[in-house]
């Protein structure tokens, strides 16, 4: 597999941005964004799709931690 050229990268990033906007607008209800998901998967290499999905999950987790704060779990008792 060769690396995507400039126009292919722009098409991938554009499809990703449309999908993420749809998911944000519909509170992550993926069923309403199915067409955007298909477009995203069609325009991006498989490895990029996996990366962007993980990236979105991480960014959502990070945003939640920043808003709500972080409470570490109780660990084992100290001896």
PDB file of N, CA and C in Angstrom:
ATOM      1  N   UNK A   1       0.849  -1.184   0.000  1.00  0.00           N
ATOM      2  CA  UNK A   1       0.000   0.000   0.000  1.00  0.00           C
ATOM      3  C   UNK A   1       0.890   1.241   0.000  1.00  0.00           C
ATOM      4  N   UNK A   2       0.624   2.129  -0.908  1.00  0.00           N
ATOM      5  CA  UNK A   2       1.392   3.368  -0.967  1.00  0.00           C
ATOM      6  C   UNK A   2       0.744   4.422  -0.072  1.00  0.00           C
ATOM      7  N   UNK A   3       1.521   5.384   0.291  1.00  0.00           N
ATOM      8  CA  UNK A   3       1.022   6.471   1.142  1.00  0.00           C
ATOM      9  C   UNK A   3       0.019   7.317   0.356  1.00  0.00           C
ATOM     10  N   UNK A   4      -1.026   7.788   1.023  1.00  0.00           N
ATOM     11  CA  UNK A   4      -2.011   8.640   0.339  1.00  0.00           C
ATOM     12  C   UNK A   4      -1.374   9.954  -0.107  1.00  0.00           C
ATOM     13  N   UNK A   5      -1.793  10.427  -1.271  1.00  0.00           N
ATOM     14  CA  UNK A   5      -1.284  11.713  -1.739  1.00  0.00           C
ATOM     15  C   UNK A   5      -2.062  12.842  -1.058  1.00  0.00           C
ATOM     16  N   UNK A   6      -1.732  14.059  -1.401  1.00  0.00           N
ATOM     17  CA  UNK A   6      -2.302  15.225  -0.733  1.00  0.00           C
ATOM     18  C   UNK A   6      -3.831  15.278  -0.834  1.00  0.00           C
ATOM     19  N   UNK A   7      -4.367  15.035  -2.018  1.00  0.00           N
ATOM     20  CA  UNK A   7      -5.828  15.109  -2.172  1.00  0.00           C
ATOM     21  C   UNK A   7      -6.518  13.958  -1.447  1.00  0.00           C
ATOM     22  N   UNK A   8      -5.895  12.781  -1.408  1.00  0.00           N
ATOM     23  CA  UNK A   8      -6.465  11.645  -0.676  1.00  0.00           C
ATOM     24  C   UNK A   8      -6.454  11.910   0.834  1.00  0.00           C
ATOM     25  N   UNK A   9      -5.397  12.538   1.320  1.00  0.00           N
ATOM     26  CA  UNK A   9      -5.341  12.885   2.748  1.00  0.00           C
ATOM     27  C   UNK A   9      -6.420  13.899   3.099  1.00  0.00           C
ATOM     28  N   UNK A  10      -6.580  14.919   2.240  1.00  0.00           N
ATOM     29  CA  UNK A  10      -7.624  15.917   2.489  1.00  0.00           C
ATOM     30  C   UNK A  10      -9.006  15.286   2.492  1.00  0.00           C
ATOM     31  N   UNK A  11      -9.253  14.334   1.573  1.00  0.00           N
ATOM     32  CA  UNK A  11     -10.544  13.654   1.514  1.00  0.00           C
ATOM     33  C   UNK A  11     -10.770  12.840   2.789  1.00  0.00           C
ATOM     34  N   UNK A  12      -9.725  12.176   3.267  1.00  0.00           N
ATOM     35  CA  UNK A  12      -9.821  11.383   4.497  1.00  0.00           C
ATOM     36  C   UNK A  12     -10.114  12.280   5.689  1.00  0.00           C
ATOM     37  N   UNK A  13      -9.343  13.340   5.837  1.00  0.00           N
ATOM     38  CA  UNK A  13      -9.523  14.237   6.981  1.00  0.00           C
ATOM     39  C   UNK A  13     -10.887  14.921   6.937  1.00  0.00           C
ATOM     40  N   UNK A  14     -11.348  15.266   5.731  1.00  0.00           N
ATOM     41  CA  UNK A  14     -12.666  15.879   5.595  1.00  0.00           C
ATOM     42  C   UNK A  14     -13.764  14.917   6.013  1.00  0.00           C
ATOM     43  N   UNK A  15     -13.644  13.651   5.591  1.00  0.00           N
ATOM     44  CA  UNK A  15     -14.634  12.636   5.971  1.00  0.00           C
ATOM     45  C   UNK A  15     -14.605  12.408   7.478  1.00  0.00           C
ATOM     46  N   UNK A  16     -13.405  12.389   8.054  1.00  0.00           N
ATOM     47  CA  UNK A  16     -13.271  12.231   9.505  1.00  0.00           C
ATOM     48  C   UNK A  16     -13.938  13.384  10.238  1.00  0.00           C
ATOM     49  N   UNK A  17     -13.675  14.599   9.789  1.00  0.00           N
ATOM     50  CA  UNK A  17     -14.242  15.777  10.446  1.00  0.00           C
ATOM     51  C   UNK A  17     -15.768  15.787  10.369  1.00  0.00           C
ATOM     52  N   UNK A  18     -16.323  15.391   9.216  1.00  0.00           N
ATOM     53  CA  UNK A  18     -17.786  15.315   9.078  1.00  0.00           C
ATOM     54  C   UNK A  18     -18.369  14.281  10.036  1.00  0.00           C
ATOM     55  N   UNK A  19     -17.710  13.125  10.136  1.00  0.00           N
ATOM     56  CA  UNK A  19     -18.184  12.079  11.046  1.00  0.00           C
ATOM     57  C   UNK A  19     -18.127  12.560  12.483  1.00  0.00           C
ATOM     58  N   UNK A  20     -17.001  13.147  12.888  1.00  0.00           N
ATOM     59  CA  UNK A  20     -16.862  13.610  14.266  1.00  0.00           C
ATOM     60  C   UNK A  20     -17.886  14.692  14.589  1.00  0.00           C
ATOM     61  N   UNK A  21     -18.165  15.586  13.647  1.00  0.00           N
ATOM     62  CA  UNK A  21     -19.168  16.631  13.874  1.00  0.00           C
ATOM     63  C   UNK A  21     -20.546  16.003  14.042  1.00  0.00           C
ATOM     64  N   UNK A  22     -20.864  15.026  13.202  1.00  0.00           N
ATOM     65  CA  UNK A  22     -22.151  14.341  13.318  1.00  0.00           C
ATOM     66  C   UNK A  22     -22.271  13.654  14.672  1.00  0.00           C
ATOM     67  N   UNK A  23     -21.214  12.958  15.091  1.00  0.00           N
ATOM     68  CA  UNK A  23     -21.240  12.273  16.384  1.00  0.00           C
ATOM     69  C   UNK A  23     -21.373  13.269  17.534  1.00  0.00           C
ATOM     70  N   UNK A  24     -20.687  14.397  17.439  1.00  0.00           N
ATOM     71  CA  UNK A  24     -20.795  15.423  18.478  1.00  0.00           C
ATOM     72  C   UNK A  24     -22.204  16.008  18.521  1.00  0.00           C
ATOM     73  N   UNK A  25     -22.776  16.285  17.348  1.00  0.00           N
ATOM     74  CA  UNK A  25     -24.107  16.874  17.280  1.00  0.00           C
ATOM     75  C   UNK A  25     -25.189  15.909  17.740  1.00  0.00           C
ATOM     76  N   UNK A  26     -24.951  14.605  17.594  1.00  0.00           N
ATOM     77  CA  UNK A  26     -25.952  13.596  17.948  1.00  0.00           C
ATOM     78  C   UNK A  26     -25.557  12.802  19.184  1.00  0.00           C
ATOM     79  N   UNK A  27     -24.695  13.369  19.996  1.00  0.00           N
ATOM     80  CA  UNK A  27     -24.249  12.761  21.253  1.00  0.00           C
ATOM     81  C   UNK A  27     -23.811  11.317  21.074  1.00  0.00           C
ATOM     82  N   UNK A  28     -22.931  11.122  20.106  1.00  0.00           N
ATOM     83  CA  UNK A  28     -22.315   9.825  19.833  1.00  0.00           C
ATOM     84  C   UNK A  28     -23.309   8.735  19.446  1.00  0.00           C
ATOM     85  N   UNK A  29     -24.481   9.103  18.925  1.00  0.00           N
ATOM     86  CA  UNK A  29     -25.442   8.128  18.422  1.00  0.00           C
ATOM     87  C   UNK A  29     -25.003   7.744  17.013  1.00  0.00           C
ATOM     88  N   UNK A  30     -24.214   6.688  16.917  1.00  0.00           N
ATOM     89  CA  UNK A  30     -23.595   6.300  15.658  1.00  0.00           C
ATOM     90  C   UNK A  30     -24.617   5.927  14.584  1.00  0.00           C
ATOM     91  N   UNK A  31     -25.788   5.486  14.980  1.00  0.00           N
ATOM     92  CA  UNK A  31     -26.803   5.081  13.999  1.00  0.00           C
ATOM     93  C   UNK A  31     -27.202   6.254  13.109  1.00  0.00           C
ATOM     94  N   UNK A  32     -27.218   7.463  13.633  1.00  0.00           N
ATOM     95  CA  UNK A  32     -27.589   8.635  12.855  1.00  0.00           C
ATOM     96  C   UNK A  32     -26.465   9.088  11.924  1.00  0.00           C
ATOM     97  N   UNK A  33     -25.278   8.567  12.131  1.00  0.00           N
ATOM     98  CA  UNK A  33     -24.106   9.002  11.363  1.00  0.00           C
ATOM     99  C   UNK A  33     -23.550   7.881  10.487  1.00  0.00           C
ATOM    100  N   UNK A  34     -24.373   6.902  10.181  1.00  0.00           N
ATOM    101  CA  UNK A  34     -23.908   5.728   9.440  1.00  0.00           C
ATOM    102  C   UNK A  34     -23.316   6.100   8.078  1.00  0.00           C
ATOM    103  N   UNK A  35     -23.958   7.012   7.366  1.00  0.00           N
ATOM    104  CA  UNK A  35     -23.454   7.417   6.045  1.00  0.00           C
ATOM    105  C   UNK A  35     -22.079   8.071   6.166  1.00  0.00           C
ATOM    106  N   UNK A  36     -21.896   8.901   7.184  1.00  0.00           N
ATOM    107  CA  UNK A  36     -20.597   9.542   7.397  1.00  0.00           C
ATOM    108  C   UNK A  36     -19.531   8.499   7.754  1.00  0.00           C
ATOM    109  N   UNK A  37     -19.922   7.492   8.512  1.00  0.00           N
ATOM    110  CA  UNK A  37     -18.995   6.418   8.875  1.00  0.00           C
ATOM    111  C   UNK A  37     -18.533   5.670   7.623  1.00  0.00           C
ATOM    112  N   UNK A  38     -19.467   5.365   6.732  1.00  0.00           N
ATOM    113  CA  UNK A  38     -19.115   4.665   5.491  1.00  0.00           C
ATOM    114  C   UNK A  38     -18.183   5.507   4.631  1.00  0.00           C
ATOM    115  N   UNK A  39     -18.473   6.804   4.545  1.00  0.00           N
ATOM    116  CA  UNK A  39     -17.636   7.715   3.769  1.00  0.00           C
ATOM    117  C   UNK A  39     -16.232   7.796   4.366  1.00  0.00           C
ATOM    118  N   UNK A  40     -16.162   7.869   5.683  1.00  0.00           N
ATOM    119  CA  UNK A  40     -14.891   7.909   6.399  1.00  0.00           C
ATOM    120  C   UNK A  40     -14.073   6.657   6.097  1.00  0.00           C
ATOM    121  N   UNK A  41     -14.694   5.488   6.211  1.00  0.00           N
ATOM    122  CA  UNK A  41     -13.988   4.230   5.981  1.00  0.00           C
ATOM    123  C   UNK A  41     -13.582   4.071   4.513  1.00  0.00           C
ATOM    124  N   UNK A  42     -14.378   4.614   3.595  1.00  0.00           N
ATOM    125  CA  UNK A  42     -14.062   4.513   2.169  1.00  0.00           C
ATOM    126  C   UNK A  42     -12.916   5.444   1.768  1.00  0.00           C
ATOM    127  N   UNK A  43     -12.776   6.565   2.451  1.00  0.00           N
ATOM    128  CA  UNK A  43     -11.778   7.568   2.077  1.00  0.00           C
ATOM    129  C   UNK A  43     -10.456   7.456   2.824  1.00  0.00           C
ATOM    130  N   UNK A  44     -10.415   6.651   3.866  1.00  0.00           N
ATOM    131  CA  UNK A  44      -9.197   6.567   4.683  1.00  0.00           C
ATOM    132  C   UNK A  44      -8.622   5.149   4.671  1.00  0.00           C
ATOM    133  N   UNK A  45      -7.295   5.035   4.710  1.00  0.00           N
ATOM    134  CA  UNK A  45      -6.680   3.715   4.855  1.00  0.00           C
ATOM    135  C   UNK A  45      -7.120   3.072   6.176  1.00  0.00           C
ATOM    136  N   UNK A  46      -7.187   1.758   6.196  1.00  0.00           N
ATOM    137  CA  UNK A  46      -7.647   1.028   7.380  1.00  0.00           C
ATOM    138  C   UNK A  46      -6.909   1.387   8.657  1.00  0.00           C
ATOM    139  N   UNK A  47      -5.583   1.514   8.571  1.00  0.00           N
ATOM    140  CA  UNK A  47      -4.795   1.868   9.753  1.00  0.00           C
ATOM    141  C   UNK A  47      -5.163   3.252  10.260  1.00  0.00           C
ATOM    142  N   UNK A  48      -5.469   4.168   9.362  1.00  0.00           N
ATOM    143  CA  UNK A  48      -5.856   5.517   9.757  1.00  0.00           C
ATOM    144  C   UNK A  48      -7.207   5.490  10.453  1.00  0.00           C
ATOM    145  N   UNK A  49      -8.124   4.667   9.951  1.00  0.00           N
ATOM    146  CA  UNK A  49      -9.450   4.559  10.572  1.00  0.00           C
ATOM    147  C   UNK A  49      -9.290   4.114  12.020  1.00  0.00           C
ATOM    148  N   UNK A  50      -8.485   3.066  12.237  1.00  0.00           N
ATOM    149  CA  UNK A  50      -8.245   2.574  13.606  1.00  0.00           C
ATOM    150  C   UNK A  50      -7.640   3.667  14.476  1.00  0.00           C
ATOM    151  N   UNK A  51      -6.645   4.363  13.936  1.00  0.00           N
ATOM    152  CA  UNK A  51      -5.973   5.422  14.687  1.00  0.00           C
ATOM    153  C   UNK A  51      -6.944   6.538  15.055  1.00  0.00           C
ATOM    154  N   UNK A  52      -7.733   7.012  14.085  1.00  0.00           N
ATOM    155  CA  UNK A  52      -8.645   8.121  14.346  1.00  0.00           C
ATOM    156  C   UNK A  52      -9.737   7.740  15.342  1.00  0.00           C
ATOM    157  N   UNK A  53     -10.188   6.491  15.309  1.00  0.00           N
ATOM    158  CA  UNK A  53     -11.197   6.040  16.284  1.00  0.00           C
ATOM    159  C   UNK A  53     -10.595   6.062  17.689  1.00  0.00           C
ATOM    160  N   UNK A  54      -9.381   5.532  17.823  1.00  0.00           N
ATOM    161  CA  UNK A  54      -8.708   5.552  19.127  1.00  0.00           C
ATOM    162  C   UNK A  54      -8.432   6.985  19.569  1.00  0.00           C
ATOM    163  N   UNK A  55      -8.046   7.829  18.632  1.00  0.00           N
ATOM    164  CA  UNK A  55      -7.754   9.227  18.937  1.00  0.00           C
ATOM    165  C   UNK A  55      -8.993   9.941  19.465  1.00  0.00           C
ATOM    166  N   UNK A  56     -10.143   9.711  18.824  1.00  0.00           N
ATOM    167  CA  UNK A  56     -11.392  10.334  19.273  1.00  0.00           C
ATOM    168  C   UNK A  56     -11.753   9.852  20.680  1.00  0.00           C
ATOM    169  N   UNK A  57     -11.630   8.549  20.909  1.00  0.00           N
ATOM    170  CA  UNK A  57     -11.919   8.017  22.247  1.00  0.00           C
ATOM    171  C   UNK A  57     -11.022   8.670  23.291  1.00  0.00           C
ATOM    172  N   UNK A  58      -9.729   8.799  22.984  1.00  0.00           N
ATOM    173  CA  UNK A  58      -8.796   9.418  23.918  1.00  0.00           C
ATOM    174  C   UNK A  58      -9.166  10.875  24.175  1.00  0.00           C
ATOM    175  N   UNK A  59      -9.471  11.616  23.118  1.00  0.00           N
ATOM    176  CA  UNK A  59      -9.806  13.035  23.285  1.00  0.00           C
ATOM    177  C   UNK A  59     -11.085  13.213  24.102  1.00  0.00           C
ATOM    178  N   UNK A  60     -12.068  12.340  23.906  1.00  0.00           N
ATOM    179  CA  UNK A  60     -13.306  12.413  24.694  1.00  0.00           C
ATOM    180  C   UNK A  60     -13.018  12.092  26.159  1.00  0.00           C
ATOM    181  N   UNK A  61     -12.179  11.095  26.414  1.00  0.00           N
ATOM    182  CA  UNK A  61     -11.795  10.738  27.775  1.00  0.00           C
ATOM    183  C   UNK A  61     -11.043  11.893  28.435  1.00  0.00           C
ATOM    184  N   UNK A  62     -10.107  12.476  27.707  1.00  0.00           N
ATOM    185  CA  UNK A  62      -9.326  13.596  28.232  1.00  0.00           C
ATOM    186  C   UNK A  62     -10.239  14.777  28.576  1.00  0.00           C
ATOM    187  N   UNK A  63     -11.196  15.070  27.702  1.00  0.00           N
ATOM    188  CA  UNK A  63     -12.139  16.161  27.937  1.00  0.00           C
ATOM    189  C   UNK A  63     -12.974  15.894  29.197  1.00  0.00           C
ATOM    190  N   UNK A  64     -13.400  14.649  29.364  1.00  0.00           N
ATOM    191  CA  UNK A  64     -14.189  14.279  30.543  1.00  0.00           C
ATOM    192  C   UNK A  64     -13.365  14.452  31.824  1.00  0.00           C
ATOM    193  N   UNK A  65     -12.128  14.013  31.800  1.00  0.00           N
ATOM    194  CA  UNK A  65     -11.250  14.138  32.969  1.00  0.00           C
ATOM    195  C   UNK A  65     -11.019  15.609  33.305  1.00  0.00           C
ATOM    196  N   UNK A  66     -10.842  16.446  32.285  1.00  0.00           N
ATOM    197  CA  UNK A  66     -10.601  17.862  32.519  1.00  0.00           C
ATOM    198  C   UNK A  66     -11.838  18.541  33.108  1.00  0.00           C
ATOM    199  N   UNK A  67     -13.018  18.125  32.697  1.00  0.00           N
ATOM    200  CA  UNK A  67     -14.249  18.731  33.206  1.00  0.00           C
ATOM    201  C   UNK A  67     -14.595  18.229  34.600  1.00  0.00           C
ATOM    202  N   UNK A  68     -14.498  16.918  34.789  1.00  0.00           N
ATOM    203  CA  UNK A  68     -14.971  16.311  36.026  1.00  0.00           C
ATOM    204  C   UNK A  68     -13.878  16.090  37.059  1.00  0.00           C
ATOM    205  N   UNK A  69     -12.643  16.183  36.646  1.00  0.00           N
ATOM    206  CA  UNK A  69     -11.547  15.918  37.559  1.00  0.00           C
ATOM    207  C   UNK A  69     -11.226  14.436  37.598  1.00  0.00           C
ATOM    208  N   UNK A  70     -10.173  14.113  38.295  1.00  0.00           N
ATOM    209  CA  UNK A  70      -9.707  12.735  38.367  1.00  0.00           C
ATOM    210  C   UNK A  70      -9.639  12.305  39.819  1.00  0.00           C
ATOM    211  N   UNK A  71     -10.275  11.219  40.138  1.00  0.00           N
ATOM    212  CA  UNK A  71     -10.213  10.624  41.468  1.00  0.00           C
ATOM    213  C   UNK A  71      -9.531   9.271  41.336  1.00  0.00           C
ATOM    214  N   UNK A  72      -8.314   9.143  41.832  1.00  0.00           N
ATOM    215  CA  UNK A  72      -7.653   7.835  41.707  1.00  0.00           C
ATOM    216  C   UNK A  72      -8.377   6.769  42.524  1.00  0.00           C
ATOM    217  N   UNK A  73      -8.353   5.571  42.005  1.00  0.00           N
ATOM    218  CA  UNK A  73      -8.991   4.452  42.709  1.00  0.00           C
ATOM    219  C   UNK A  73      -8.174   4.125  43.959  1.00  0.00           C
ATOM    220  N   UNK A  74      -8.847   3.623  44.967  1.00  0.00           N
ATOM    221  CA  UNK A  74      -8.145   3.187  46.165  1.00  0.00           C
ATOM    222  C   UNK A  74      -7.274   2.003  45.804  1.00  0.00           C
ATOM    223  N   UNK A  75      -6.017   2.104  46.122  1.00  0.00           N
ATOM    224  CA  UNK A  75      -5.083   1.015  45.847  1.00  0.00           C
ATOM    225  C   UNK A  75      -5.011   0.076  47.036  1.00  0.00           C
ATOM    226  N   UNK A  76      -4.123  -0.853  46.990  1.00  0.00           N
ATOM    227  CA  UNK A  76      -3.955  -1.758  48.119  1.00  0.00           C
ATOM    228  C   UNK A  76      -3.457  -0.997  49.343  1.00  0.00           C
ATOM    229  N   UNK A  77      -3.791  -1.456  50.517  1.00  0.00           N
ATOM    230  CA  UNK A  77      -3.338  -0.744  51.729  1.00  0.00           C
ATOM    231  C   UNK A  77      -1.815  -0.739  51.824  1.00  0.00           C
ATOM    232  N   UNK A  78      -1.285   0.347  52.344  1.00  0.00           N
ATOM    233  CA  UNK A  78       0.171   0.440  52.486  1.00  0.00           C
ATOM    234  C   UNK A  78       0.580  -0.281  53.761  1.00  0.00           C
ATOM    235  N   UNK A  79       1.640  -1.026  53.651  1.00  0.00           N
ATOM    236  CA  UNK A  79       2.131  -1.795  54.804  1.00  0.00           C
ATOM    237  C   UNK A  79       3.224  -1.074  55.509  1.00  0.00           C
TER     238      UNK A  79
END
